[in-house]
Amino acid sequence: MDIMNTAAEGDSLAEQTYRRLRSLLEKGEFATDSPLSEQSLARSLGVSRTPVREALARLTVDGLVAVKPNGTRVVADLWPNVAHGFAIRIRLEPWAAALSSQRMTADDFEDLKAMQEKMEKLLDASGMVGEISELNQLFHWRIITFCGSPPLIETLDRLRPYSVVPRIVEQYDDEVRRVAILEHRNIIDALWRRDSTETEHLTRLHLERGFETLKAAVARSSAGSSRRS
């Protein structure tokens, strides 16, 4: 997993290490509460321990890494932050989408529709849950970026690490996932018509349904873990 093969050109080694580790944590590559050893991470990423140490310190501030009383750094349980983050998104993201409906260009709509078409094609392919999840996040984020309010964009950007829990999203029922993705069509239509009221309403409804689905998946995951233990 040589970090230099995945880093953005021009980033410092410390920044590259931070971005790579953050990506791995966001994608659920490490189990919740598993220890994060500087030495093993440095070896797997192909860097020294210093940038790993700096990255872990930043990720602790981000809430992706937790510190035990004995000083051991472990993978944080993201669900509490996901729950709080989703509650905030339900209030702010529909507003951002409504603002974006007045600012998006024809090219912006074409890009959004192309992203949606790709997601719908992936729905019929096996083993593509991760790709669909990433495209779904990007779809929502692209709409937000057109809103024209830097403070609103910055606030929602800080919630992006907690937008989903990959290990839980993989447990979604296929039909539930399909319905959620297809709901995007109505949002795109409202955006295209520049109907800010309808865009806000549909985005909020979509997020509320998504939150309920996520909570149900968390409940199933917790129940499964209890039975196994």
C-alpha atoms as a PDB file:
ATOM      1  CA  MET A   1       0.000   0.000   0.000  1.00  0.00           C
ATOM      2  CA  ASP A   2       2.657   2.500  -1.009  1.00  0.00           C
ATOM      3  CA  ILE A   3       1.200   5.874  -0.154  1.00  0.00           C
ATOM      4  CA  MET A   4       3.154   7.624  -2.892  1.00  0.00           C
ATOM      5  CA  ASN A   5       1.078   5.820  -5.508  1.00  0.00           C
ATOM      6  CA  THR A   6      -2.160   7.333  -4.201  1.00  0.00           C
ATOM      7  CA  ALA A   7      -1.115  10.782  -3.016  1.00  0.00           C
ATOM      8  CA  ALA A   8      -2.020  14.054  -4.656  1.00  0.00           C
ATOM      9  CA  GLU A   9       0.947  15.599  -6.398  1.00  0.00           C
ATOM     10  CA  GLY A  10       2.405  18.509  -4.448  1.00  0.00           C
ATOM     11  CA  ASP A  11       1.158  17.433  -1.020  1.00  0.00           C
ATOM     12  CA  SER A  12       3.705  17.085   1.763  1.00  0.00           C
ATOM     13  CA  LEU A  13       4.389  13.581   3.038  1.00  0.00           C
ATOM     14  CA  ALA A  14       2.544  14.431   6.268  1.00  0.00           C
ATOM     15  CA  GLU A  15      -0.511  15.590   4.290  1.00  0.00           C
ATOM     16  CA  GLN A  16      -0.369  12.528   2.039  1.00  0.00           C
ATOM     17  CA  THR A  17      -0.254  10.243   5.053  1.00  0.00           C
ATOM     18  CA  TYR A  18      -3.141  12.050   6.717  1.00  0.00           C
ATOM     19  CA  ARG A  19      -5.326  11.899   3.604  1.00  0.00           C
ATOM     20  CA  ARG A  20      -4.592   8.224   3.009  1.00  0.00           C
ATOM     21  CA  LEU A  21      -5.320   7.219   6.603  1.00  0.00           C
ATOM     22  CA  ARG A  22      -8.452   9.339   6.684  1.00  0.00           C
ATOM     23  CA  SER A  23      -9.684   7.669   3.497  1.00  0.00           C
ATOM     24  CA  LEU A  24      -9.041   4.196   4.938  1.00  0.00           C
ATOM     25  CA  LEU A  25     -10.889   5.050   8.142  1.00  0.00           C
ATOM     26  CA  GLU A  26     -13.835   6.599   6.309  1.00  0.00           C
ATOM     27  CA  LYS A  27     -14.159   3.494   4.138  1.00  0.00           C
ATOM     28  CA  GLY A  28     -14.229   1.238   7.187  1.00  0.00           C
ATOM     29  CA  GLU A  29     -10.979  -0.576   6.393  1.00  0.00           C
ATOM     30  CA  PHE A  30     -10.308  -0.943  10.145  1.00  0.00           C
ATOM     31  CA  ALA A  31     -12.748  -2.390  12.663  1.00  0.00           C
ATOM     32  CA  THR A  32     -14.149  -0.065  15.331  1.00  0.00           C
ATOM     33  CA  ASP A  33     -12.010   0.011  18.492  1.00  0.00           C
ATOM     34  CA  SER A  34      -9.070  -1.762  16.804  1.00  0.00           C
ATOM     35  CA  PRO A  35      -5.647  -0.394  17.864  1.00  0.00           C
ATOM     36  CA  LEU A  36      -3.721   1.828  15.480  1.00  0.00           C
ATOM     37  CA  SER A  37      -0.010   1.098  15.762  1.00  0.00           C
ATOM     38  CA  GLU A  38       2.333   3.773  14.426  1.00  0.00           C
ATOM     39  CA  GLN A  39       4.861   1.126  13.496  1.00  0.00           C
ATOM     40  CA  SER A  40       2.499  -1.166  11.580  1.00  0.00           C
ATOM     41  CA  LEU A  41       0.788   1.740   9.823  1.00  0.00           C
ATOM     42  CA  ALA A  42       4.137   3.235   8.833  1.00  0.00           C
ATOM     43  CA  ARG A  43       5.212  -0.109   7.413  1.00  0.00           C
ATOM     44  CA  SER A  44       1.988  -0.655   5.444  1.00  0.00           C
ATOM     45  CA  LEU A  45       1.966   2.901   4.077  1.00  0.00           C
ATOM     46  CA  GLY A  46       5.666   2.914   3.224  1.00  0.00           C
ATOM     47  CA  VAL A  47       6.529   5.954   5.354  1.00  0.00           C
ATOM     48  CA  SER A  48       8.332   6.670   8.617  1.00  0.00           C
ATOM     49  CA  ARG A  49       6.524   6.840  11.957  1.00  0.00           C
ATOM     50  CA  THR A  50       6.691  10.655  12.163  1.00  0.00           C
ATOM     51  CA  PRO A  51       4.059  11.459   9.475  1.00  0.00           C
ATOM     52  CA  VAL A  52       1.899   8.625  10.831  1.00  0.00           C
ATOM     53  CA  ARG A  53       2.100  10.118  14.322  1.00  0.00           C
ATOM     54  CA  GLU A  54       1.129  13.543  12.975  1.00  0.00           C
ATOM     55  CA  ALA A  55      -1.722  12.048  10.946  1.00  0.00           C
ATOM     56  CA  LEU A  56      -3.124  10.168  13.935  1.00  0.00           C
ATOM     57  CA  ALA A  57      -3.055  13.367  15.994  1.00  0.00           C
ATOM     58  CA  ARG A  58      -5.074  15.186  13.315  1.00  0.00           C
ATOM     59  CA  LEU A  59      -7.474  12.271  12.926  1.00  0.00           C
ATOM     60  CA  THR A  60      -8.062  12.322  16.670  1.00  0.00           C
ATOM     61  CA  VAL A  61      -9.146  15.952  16.370  1.00  0.00           C
ATOM     62  CA  ASP A  62     -11.351  14.952  13.414  1.00  0.00           C
ATOM     63  CA  GLY A  63     -13.071  12.350  15.596  1.00  0.00           C
ATOM     64  CA  LEU A  64     -12.023   9.388  13.461  1.00  0.00           C
ATOM     65  CA  VAL A  65      -9.503   8.161  16.044  1.00  0.00           C
ATOM     66  CA  ALA A  66     -10.099   7.793  19.791  1.00  0.00           C
ATOM     67  CA  VAL A  67      -7.542   7.643  22.604  1.00  0.00           C
ATOM     68  CA  LYS A  68      -7.911   5.089  25.380  1.00  0.00           C
ATOM     69  CA  PRO A  69      -7.072   6.008  29.028  1.00  0.00           C
ATOM     70  CA  ASN A  70      -3.777   4.130  28.634  1.00  0.00           C
ATOM     71  CA  GLY A  71      -2.872   6.299  25.631  1.00  0.00           C
ATOM     72  CA  THR A  72      -3.562   3.683  22.947  1.00  0.00           C
ATOM     73  CA  ARG A  73      -5.084   5.116  19.778  1.00  0.00           C
ATOM     74  CA  VAL A  74      -7.969   3.103  18.356  1.00  0.00           C
ATOM     75  CA  VAL A  75     -10.512   3.415  15.554  1.00  0.00           C
ATOM     76  CA  ALA A  76     -13.374   5.540  16.857  1.00  0.00           C
ATOM     77  CA  ASP A  77     -16.990   4.418  16.880  1.00  0.00           C
ATOM     78  CA  LEU A  78     -18.413   6.736  14.244  1.00  0.00           C
ATOM     79  CA  TRP A  79     -22.093   6.025  14.839  1.00  0.00           C
ATOM     80  CA  PRO A  80     -22.670   8.791  17.455  1.00  0.00           C
ATOM     81  CA  ASN A  81     -21.108  11.340  15.115  1.00  0.00           C
ATOM     82  CA  VAL A  82     -22.997   9.891  12.142  1.00  0.00           C
ATOM     83  CA  ALA A  83     -26.265  10.318  14.028  1.00  0.00           C
ATOM     84  CA  HIS A  84     -25.512  13.913  15.022  1.00  0.00           C
ATOM     85  CA  GLY A  85     -24.151  14.687  11.586  1.00  0.00           C
ATOM     86  CA  PHE A  86     -27.215  13.329   9.822  1.00  0.00           C
ATOM     87  CA  ALA A  87     -29.493  15.396  12.054  1.00  0.00           C
ATOM     88  CA  ILE A  88     -27.567  18.515  11.053  1.00  0.00           C
ATOM     89  CA  ARG A  89     -27.556  17.533   7.371  1.00  0.00           C
ATOM     90  CA  ILE A  90     -31.346  17.127   7.410  1.00  0.00           C
ATOM     91  CA  ARG A  91     -31.618  20.763   8.472  1.00  0.00           C
ATOM     92  CA  LEU A  92     -28.883  22.350   6.366  1.00  0.00           C
ATOM     93  CA  GLU A  93     -28.454  20.298   3.194  1.00  0.00           C
ATOM     94  CA  PRO A  94     -32.005  20.901   1.871  1.00  0.00           C
ATOM     95  CA  TRP A  95     -31.382  24.634   2.220  1.00  0.00           C
ATOM     96  CA  ALA A  96     -28.089  24.302   0.341  1.00  0.00           C
ATOM     97  CA  ALA A  97     -29.839  22.324  -2.414  1.00  0.00           C
ATOM     98  CA  ALA A  98     -32.540  24.996  -2.687  1.00  0.00           C
ATOM     99  CA  LEU A  99     -29.865  27.678  -3.128  1.00  0.00           C
ATOM    100  CA  SER A 100     -28.084  25.524  -5.704  1.00  0.00           C
ATOM    101  CA  SER A 101     -31.252  25.213  -7.770  1.00  0.00           C
ATOM    102  CA  GLN A 102     -30.890  28.894  -8.638  1.00  0.00           C
ATOM    103  CA  ARG A 103     -27.209  28.726  -9.543  1.00  0.00           C
ATOM    104  CA  MET A 104     -26.539  25.497 -11.455  1.00  0.00           C
ATOM    105  CA  THR A 105     -25.710  25.718 -15.158  1.00  0.00           C
ATOM    106  CA  ALA A 106     -26.703  23.358 -17.954  1.00  0.00           C
ATOM    107  CA  ASP A 107     -23.255  21.749 -17.784  1.00  0.00           C
ATOM    108  CA  ASP A 108     -23.681  21.239 -14.040  1.00  0.00           C
ATOM    109  CA  PHE A 109     -26.940  19.403 -14.657  1.00  0.00           C
ATOM    110  CA  GLU A 110     -25.339  17.209 -17.301  1.00  0.00           C
ATOM    111  CA  ASP A 111     -22.580  16.217 -14.891  1.00  0.00           C
ATOM    112  CA  LEU A 112     -25.145  15.434 -12.195  1.00  0.00           C
ATOM    113  CA  LYS A 113     -27.279  13.355 -14.575  1.00  0.00           C
ATOM    114  CA  ALA A 114     -24.217  11.437 -15.765  1.00  0.00           C
ATOM    115  CA  MET A 115     -23.359  10.619 -12.159  1.00  0.00           C
ATOM    116  CA  GLN A 116     -26.922   9.444 -11.558  1.00  0.00           C
ATOM    117  CA  GLU A 117     -26.910   7.244 -14.661  1.00  0.00           C
ATOM    118  CA  LYS A 118     -23.682   5.619 -13.515  1.00  0.00           C
ATOM    119  CA  MET A 119     -25.166   4.867 -10.092  1.00  0.00           C
ATOM    120  CA  GLU A 120     -28.259   3.314 -11.627  1.00  0.00           C
ATOM    121  CA  LYS A 121     -26.163   1.066 -13.862  1.00  0.00           C
ATOM    122  CA  LEU A 122     -24.138  -0.084 -10.849  1.00  0.00           C
ATOM    123  CA  LEU A 123     -27.350  -1.063  -9.048  1.00  0.00           C
ATOM    124  CA  ASP A 124     -27.645  -4.035 -11.399  1.00  0.00           C
ATOM    125  CA  ALA A 125     -24.030  -5.138 -10.925  1.00  0.00           C
ATOM    126  CA  SER A 126     -22.851  -7.351  -8.094  1.00  0.00           C
ATOM    127  CA  GLY A 127     -20.251  -6.303  -5.554  1.00  0.00           C
ATOM    128  CA  MET A 128     -20.523  -2.600  -6.354  1.00  0.00           C
ATOM    129  CA  VAL A 129     -21.886  -1.339  -3.017  1.00  0.00           C
ATOM    130  CA  GLY A 130     -18.709   0.603  -2.225  1.00  0.00           C
ATOM    131  CA  GLU A 131     -18.695   2.332  -5.599  1.00  0.00           C
ATOM    132  CA  ILE A 132     -22.387   3.219  -5.304  1.00  0.00           C
ATOM    133  CA  SER A 133     -21.816   4.603  -1.808  1.00  0.00           C
ATOM    134  CA  GLU A 134     -18.942   6.810  -2.996  1.00  0.00           C
ATOM    135  CA  LEU A 135     -20.930   8.089  -5.978  1.00  0.00           C
ATOM    136  CA  ASN A 136     -23.908   8.780  -3.740  1.00  0.00           C
ATOM    137  CA  GLN A 137     -21.774  10.889  -1.428  1.00  0.00           C
ATOM    138  CA  LEU A 138     -20.290  12.720  -4.392  1.00  0.00           C
ATOM    139  CA  PHE A 139     -23.772  13.331  -5.843  1.00  0.00           C
ATOM    140  CA  HIS A 140     -24.936  15.040  -2.659  1.00  0.00           C
ATOM    141  CA  TRP A 141     -21.694  16.951  -2.293  1.00  0.00           C
ATOM    142  CA  ARG A 142     -21.768  18.267  -5.855  1.00  0.00           C
ATOM    143  CA  ILE A 143     -25.211  19.770  -5.299  1.00  0.00           C
ATOM    144  CA  ILE A 144     -24.034  21.425  -2.095  1.00  0.00           C
ATOM    145  CA  THR A 145     -21.016  23.023  -3.765  1.00  0.00           C
ATOM    146  CA  PHE A 146     -23.247  25.067  -6.080  1.00  0.00           C
ATOM    147  CA  CYS A 147     -25.099  26.813  -3.235  1.00  0.00           C
ATOM    148  CA  GLY A 148     -22.847  29.893  -3.252  1.00  0.00           C
ATOM    149  CA  SER A 149     -22.446  30.081   0.541  1.00  0.00           C
ATOM    150  CA  PRO A 150     -18.870  29.343   1.692  1.00  0.00           C
ATOM    151  CA  PRO A 151     -19.836  29.072   5.405  1.00  0.00           C
ATOM    152  CA  LEU A 152     -22.626  26.606   4.570  1.00  0.00           C
ATOM    153  CA  ILE A 153     -20.315  24.567   2.339  1.00  0.00           C
ATOM    154  CA  GLU A 154     -17.618  24.538   5.027  1.00  0.00           C
ATOM    155  CA  THR A 155     -20.078  23.407   7.697  1.00  0.00           C
ATOM    156  CA  LEU A 156     -21.389  20.526   5.595  1.00  0.00           C
ATOM    157  CA  ASP A 157     -17.874  19.615   4.487  1.00  0.00           C
ATOM    158  CA  ARG A 158     -16.921  18.969   8.107  1.00  0.00           C
ATOM    159  CA  LEU A 159     -19.729  16.401   8.305  1.00  0.00           C
ATOM    160  CA  ARG A 160     -18.579  14.417   5.270  1.00  0.00           C
ATOM    161  CA  PRO A 161     -16.529  11.844   7.229  1.00  0.00           C
ATOM    162  CA  TYR A 162     -19.711  10.936   9.107  1.00  0.00           C
ATOM    163  CA  SER A 163     -22.109  10.803   6.169  1.00  0.00           C
ATOM    164  CA  VAL A 164     -22.108   7.002   6.060  1.00  0.00           C
ATOM    165  CA  VAL A 165     -20.726   3.978   7.880  1.00  0.00           C
ATOM    166  CA  PRO A 166     -19.517   1.706   5.045  1.00  0.00           C
ATOM    167  CA  ARG A 167     -19.711  -1.557   7.002  1.00  0.00           C
ATOM    168  CA  ILE A 168     -23.344  -0.771   7.829  1.00  0.00           C
ATOM    169  CA  VAL A 169     -24.312   0.524   4.378  1.00  0.00           C
ATOM    170  CA  GLU A 170     -23.262  -2.849   2.969  1.00  0.00           C
ATOM    171  CA  GLN A 171     -26.093  -4.407   4.981  1.00  0.00           C
ATOM    172  CA  TYR A 172     -28.784  -2.365   3.255  1.00  0.00           C
ATOM    173  CA  ASP A 173     -31.436  -4.359   1.466  1.00  0.00           C
ATOM    174  CA  ASP A 174     -30.876  -4.156  -2.301  1.00  0.00           C
ATOM    175  CA  GLU A 175     -34.383  -2.841  -2.938  1.00  0.00           C
ATOM    176  CA  VAL A 176     -34.040  -0.178  -0.237  1.00  0.00           C
ATOM    177  CA  ARG A 177     -30.792   0.951  -1.821  1.00  0.00           C
ATOM    178  CA  ARG A 178     -32.403   1.033  -5.275  1.00  0.00           C
ATOM    179  CA  VAL A 179     -35.339   3.143  -4.098  1.00  0.00           C
ATOM    180  CA  ALA A 180     -32.996   5.589  -2.372  1.00  0.00           C
ATOM    181  CA  ILE A 181     -30.852   6.035  -5.474  1.00  0.00           C
ATOM    182  CA  LEU A 182     -33.863   6.438  -7.749  1.00  0.00           C
ATOM    183  CA  GLU A 183     -35.184   9.217  -5.481  1.00  0.00           C
ATOM    184  CA  HIS A 184     -32.346  11.317  -6.880  1.00  0.00           C
ATOM    185  CA  ARG A 185     -34.261  11.575 -10.163  1.00  0.00           C
ATOM    186  CA  ASN A 186     -36.968  13.713  -8.557  1.00  0.00           C
ATOM    187  CA  ILE A 187     -34.365  15.943  -6.918  1.00  0.00           C
ATOM    188  CA  ILE A 188     -32.598  16.452 -10.252  1.00  0.00           C
ATOM    189  CA  ASP A 189     -35.921  17.302 -11.895  1.00  0.00           C
ATOM    190  CA  ALA A 190     -36.733  19.909  -9.231  1.00  0.00           C
ATOM    191  CA  LEU A 191     -33.243  21.379  -9.566  1.00  0.00           C
ATOM    192  CA  TRP A 192     -33.642  21.553 -13.355  1.00  0.00           C
ATOM    193  CA  ARG A 193     -36.958  23.381 -12.998  1.00  0.00           C
ATOM    194  CA  ARG A 194     -35.245  25.746 -10.522  1.00  0.00           C
ATOM    195  CA  ASP A 195     -38.027  25.031  -8.052  1.00  0.00           C
ATOM    196  CA  SER A 196     -36.238  25.823  -4.799  1.00  0.00           C
ATOM    197  CA  THR A 197     -39.235  24.922  -2.607  1.00  0.00           C
ATOM    198  CA  GLU A 198     -39.661  21.487  -4.161  1.00  0.00           C
ATOM    199  CA  THR A 199     -35.908  20.890  -4.200  1.00  0.00           C
ATOM    200  CA  GLU A 200     -35.702  21.637  -0.487  1.00  0.00           C
ATOM    201  CA  HIS A 201     -38.709  19.436   0.294  1.00  0.00           C
ATOM    202  CA  LEU A 202     -37.492  16.447  -1.738  1.00  0.00           C
ATOM    203  CA  THR A 203     -33.950  16.672  -0.390  1.00  0.00           C
ATOM    204  CA  ARG A 204     -35.181  16.754   3.195  1.00  0.00           C
ATOM    205  CA  LEU A 205     -37.524  13.812   2.602  1.00  0.00           C
ATOM    206  CA  HIS A 206     -34.712  11.851   0.948  1.00  0.00           C
ATOM    207  CA  LEU A 207     -32.344  12.478   3.863  1.00  0.00           C
ATOM    208  CA  GLU A 208     -34.975  11.659   6.480  1.00  0.00           C
ATOM    209  CA  ARG A 209     -35.685   8.322   4.810  1.00  0.00           C
ATOM    210  CA  GLY A 210     -31.972   7.653   4.545  1.00  0.00           C
ATOM    211  CA  PHE A 211     -31.503   8.351   8.242  1.00  0.00           C
ATOM    212  CA  GLU A 212     -34.272   5.942   9.187  1.00  0.00           C
ATOM    213  CA  THR A 213     -32.722   3.274   6.944  1.00  0.00           C
ATOM    214  CA  LEU A 214     -29.315   3.848   8.519  1.00  0.00           C
ATOM    215  CA  LYS A 215     -30.702   3.590  12.045  1.00  0.00           C
ATOM    216  CA  ALA A 216     -32.425   0.322  11.159  1.00  0.00           C
ATOM    217  CA  ALA A 217     -29.166  -1.040   9.726  1.00  0.00           C
ATOM    218  CA  VAL A 218     -27.282  -0.039  12.878  1.00  0.00           C
ATOM    219  CA  ALA A 219     -29.893  -1.804  15.003  1.00  0.00           C
ATOM    220  CA  ARG A 220     -29.545  -4.975  12.932  1.00  0.00           C
ATOM    221  CA  SER A 221     -25.758  -4.796  13.109  1.00  0.00           C
ATOM    222  CA  SER A 222     -25.828  -4.350  16.890  1.00  0.00           C
ATOM    223  CA  ALA A 223     -28.281  -7.225  17.297  1.00  0.00           C
ATOM    224  CA  GLY A 224     -26.070  -9.466  15.168  1.00  0.00           C
ATOM    225  CA  SER A 225     -22.997  -8.561  17.211  1.00  0.00           C
ATOM    226  CA  SER A 226     -24.836  -9.338  20.459  1.00  0.00           C
ATOM    227  CA  ARG A 227     -25.867 -12.773  19.197  1.00  0.00           C
ATOM    228  CA  ARG A 228     -22.317 -13.604  18.095  1.00  0.00           C
ATOM    229  CA  SER A 229     -20.922 -12.635  21.485  1.00  0.00           C
END
